[in-house]
Amino acid sequence: MNKAELVDAMASRAGLSKSDAKKALEAFVGATTSAMQNGERVAMVGFGTFSVSERAARKGRNPQTGATIDIAAKRVPKFSAGAELKKAVDN
């Protein structure tokens, strides 16, 4: 499912116009992104939790040359599925 299909599904399930559903989705994505940029978790009980994970600096290897390279530490987004979502997907 892509973004347009998700907007269509949200509009039909919630009885919204497609433009309102698109605004709602964009607001959710924007609010979640802002919270995560500030290092906050976004938890939706039953669905899951969006959080930021820290990756430590490490040594890597260029597969073409075999040269050792330094990979910098970075922050990455993480999603952990909630119990209800896991159960729904398993059925």
C-alpha atoms as a PDB file:
ATOM      1  CA  MET A   1       0.000   0.000   0.000  1.00  0.00           C
ATOM      2  CA  ASN A   2       1.409   3.374  -0.966  1.00  0.00           C
ATOM      3  CA  LYS A   3       0.555   6.816   0.439  1.00  0.00           C
ATOM      4  CA  ALA A   4      -2.305   7.473  -2.019  1.00  0.00           C
ATOM      5  CA  GLU A   5      -3.880   4.091  -1.254  1.00  0.00           C
ATOM      6  CA  LEU A   6      -3.540   4.734   2.481  1.00  0.00           C
ATOM      7  CA  VAL A   7      -5.258   8.121   2.103  1.00  0.00           C
ATOM      8  CA  ASP A   8      -8.107   6.438   0.169  1.00  0.00           C
ATOM      9  CA  ALA A   9      -8.489   3.762   2.871  1.00  0.00           C
ATOM     10  CA  MET A  10      -8.467   6.358   5.662  1.00  0.00           C
ATOM     11  CA  ALA A  11     -11.059   8.467   3.854  1.00  0.00           C
ATOM     12  CA  SER A  12     -13.456   5.566   3.331  1.00  0.00           C
ATOM     13  CA  ARG A  13     -13.088   4.141   6.867  1.00  0.00           C
ATOM     14  CA  ALA A  14     -13.467   7.493   8.632  1.00  0.00           C
ATOM     15  CA  GLY A  15     -16.037   9.006   6.282  1.00  0.00           C
ATOM     16  CA  LEU A  16     -13.695  11.852   5.356  1.00  0.00           C
ATOM     17  CA  SER A  17     -12.951  13.511   2.061  1.00  0.00           C
ATOM     18  CA  LYS A  18      -9.675  12.470   0.477  1.00  0.00           C
ATOM     19  CA  SER A  19      -8.232  15.942   1.085  1.00  0.00           C
ATOM     20  CA  ASP A  20      -9.122  15.788   4.797  1.00  0.00           C
ATOM     21  CA  ALA A  21      -7.657  12.281   5.081  1.00  0.00           C
ATOM     22  CA  LYS A  22      -4.470  13.471   3.363  1.00  0.00           C
ATOM     23  CA  LYS A  23      -4.214  16.421   5.779  1.00  0.00           C
ATOM     24  CA  ALA A  24      -4.709  14.068   8.737  1.00  0.00           C
ATOM     25  CA  LEU A  25      -2.008  11.697   7.501  1.00  0.00           C
ATOM     26  CA  GLU A  26       0.419  14.558   6.846  1.00  0.00           C
ATOM     27  CA  ALA A  27      -0.299  15.990  10.309  1.00  0.00           C
ATOM     28  CA  PHE A  28       0.405  12.597  11.899  1.00  0.00           C
ATOM     29  CA  VAL A  29       3.646  12.150   9.976  1.00  0.00           C
ATOM     30  CA  GLY A  30       4.749  15.713  10.756  1.00  0.00           C
ATOM     31  CA  ALA A  31       3.974  15.470  14.470  1.00  0.00           C
ATOM     32  CA  THR A  32       5.672  12.075  14.745  1.00  0.00           C
ATOM     33  CA  THR A  33       8.752  13.310  12.879  1.00  0.00           C
ATOM     34  CA  SER A  34       9.030  16.432  15.054  1.00  0.00           C
ATOM     35  CA  ALA A  35       8.737  14.413  18.251  1.00  0.00           C
ATOM     36  CA  MET A  36      11.382  11.953  17.096  1.00  0.00           C
ATOM     37  CA  GLN A  37      13.739  14.772  16.055  1.00  0.00           C
ATOM     38  CA  ASN A  38      13.520  15.926  19.686  1.00  0.00           C
ATOM     39  CA  GLY A  39      14.358  12.407  20.890  1.00  0.00           C
ATOM     40  CA  GLU A  40      10.815  11.677  22.097  1.00  0.00           C
ATOM     41  CA  ARG A  41       8.932   8.400  21.770  1.00  0.00           C
ATOM     42  CA  VAL A  42       5.509   8.292  20.125  1.00  0.00           C
ATOM     43  CA  ALA A  43       3.452   5.466  21.625  1.00  0.00           C
ATOM     44  CA  MET A  44       0.044   4.370  20.373  1.00  0.00           C
ATOM     45  CA  VAL A  45      -1.285   1.644  22.639  1.00  0.00           C
ATOM     46  CA  GLY A  46      -2.088  -1.502  20.697  1.00  0.00           C
ATOM     47  CA  PHE A  47      -0.511  -0.257  17.465  1.00  0.00           C
ATOM     48  CA  GLY A  48       3.119   0.362  18.347  1.00  0.00           C
ATOM     49  CA  THR A  49       5.836   2.774  19.380  1.00  0.00           C
ATOM     50  CA  PHE A  50       8.023   4.999  17.236  1.00  0.00           C
ATOM     51  CA  SER A  51      11.356   5.841  18.854  1.00  0.00           C
ATOM     52  CA  VAL A  52      14.911   6.934  18.106  1.00  0.00           C
ATOM     53  CA  SER A  53      17.760   4.466  18.456  1.00  0.00           C
ATOM     54  CA  GLU A  54      21.439   5.366  18.757  1.00  0.00           C
ATOM     55  CA  ARG A  55      23.902   3.489  16.563  1.00  0.00           C
ATOM     56  CA  ALA A  56      27.479   3.547  17.806  1.00  0.00           C
ATOM     57  CA  ALA A  57      30.422   4.421  15.585  1.00  0.00           C
ATOM     58  CA  ARG A  58      32.042   1.338  14.110  1.00  0.00           C
ATOM     59  CA  LYS A  59      34.539   0.042  11.612  1.00  0.00           C
ATOM     60  CA  GLY A  60      33.282  -1.130   8.239  1.00  0.00           C
ATOM     61  CA  ARG A  61      34.788  -2.513   5.079  1.00  0.00           C
ATOM     62  CA  ASN A  62      34.444  -1.318   1.495  1.00  0.00           C
ATOM     63  CA  PRO A  63      33.358  -4.493  -0.351  1.00  0.00           C
ATOM     64  CA  GLN A  64      34.979  -3.403  -3.633  1.00  0.00           C
ATOM     65  CA  THR A  65      38.425  -2.505  -2.293  1.00  0.00           C
ATOM     66  CA  GLY A  66      38.524  -4.288   1.049  1.00  0.00           C
ATOM     67  CA  ALA A  67      39.659  -1.043   2.698  1.00  0.00           C
ATOM     68  CA  THR A  68      38.630  -0.442   6.307  1.00  0.00           C
ATOM     69  CA  ILE A  69      36.419   2.614   6.778  1.00  0.00           C
ATOM     70  CA  ASP A  70      35.054   4.449   9.797  1.00  0.00           C
ATOM     71  CA  ILE A  71      31.266   4.582  10.029  1.00  0.00           C
ATOM     72  CA  ALA A  72      30.072   7.500  12.162  1.00  0.00           C
ATOM     73  CA  ALA A  73      27.581   7.174  15.000  1.00  0.00           C
ATOM     74  CA  LYS A  74      24.039   8.136  14.080  1.00  0.00           C
ATOM     75  CA  ARG A  75      20.455   8.247  15.265  1.00  0.00           C
ATOM     76  CA  VAL A  76      17.954   6.073  13.404  1.00  0.00           C
ATOM     77  CA  PRO A  77      14.158   5.728  13.583  1.00  0.00           C
ATOM     78  CA  LYS A  78      12.770   2.545  15.106  1.00  0.00           C
ATOM     79  CA  PHE A  79       9.252   1.076  15.197  1.00  0.00           C
ATOM     80  CA  SER A  80       8.180  -1.573  17.671  1.00  0.00           C
ATOM     81  CA  ALA A  81       4.820  -3.193  16.923  1.00  0.00           C
ATOM     82  CA  GLY A  82       2.263  -3.387  19.726  1.00  0.00           C
ATOM     83  CA  ALA A  83       0.567  -6.559  20.928  1.00  0.00           C
ATOM     84  CA  GLU A  84      -2.728  -5.917  19.115  1.00  0.00           C
ATOM     85  CA  LEU A  85      -0.977  -5.245  15.796  1.00  0.00           C
ATOM     86  CA  LYS A  86       1.145  -8.374  16.175  1.00  0.00           C
ATOM     87  CA  LYS A  87      -1.954 -10.432  16.919  1.00  0.00           C
ATOM     88  CA  ALA A  88      -3.885  -8.967  13.956  1.00  0.00           C
ATOM     89  CA  VAL A  89      -1.032  -9.704  11.546  1.00  0.00           C
ATOM     90  CA  ASP A  90      -0.598 -13.259  12.872  1.00  0.00           C
ATOM     91  CA  ASN A  91      -4.244 -14.194  12.220  1.00  0.00           C
END
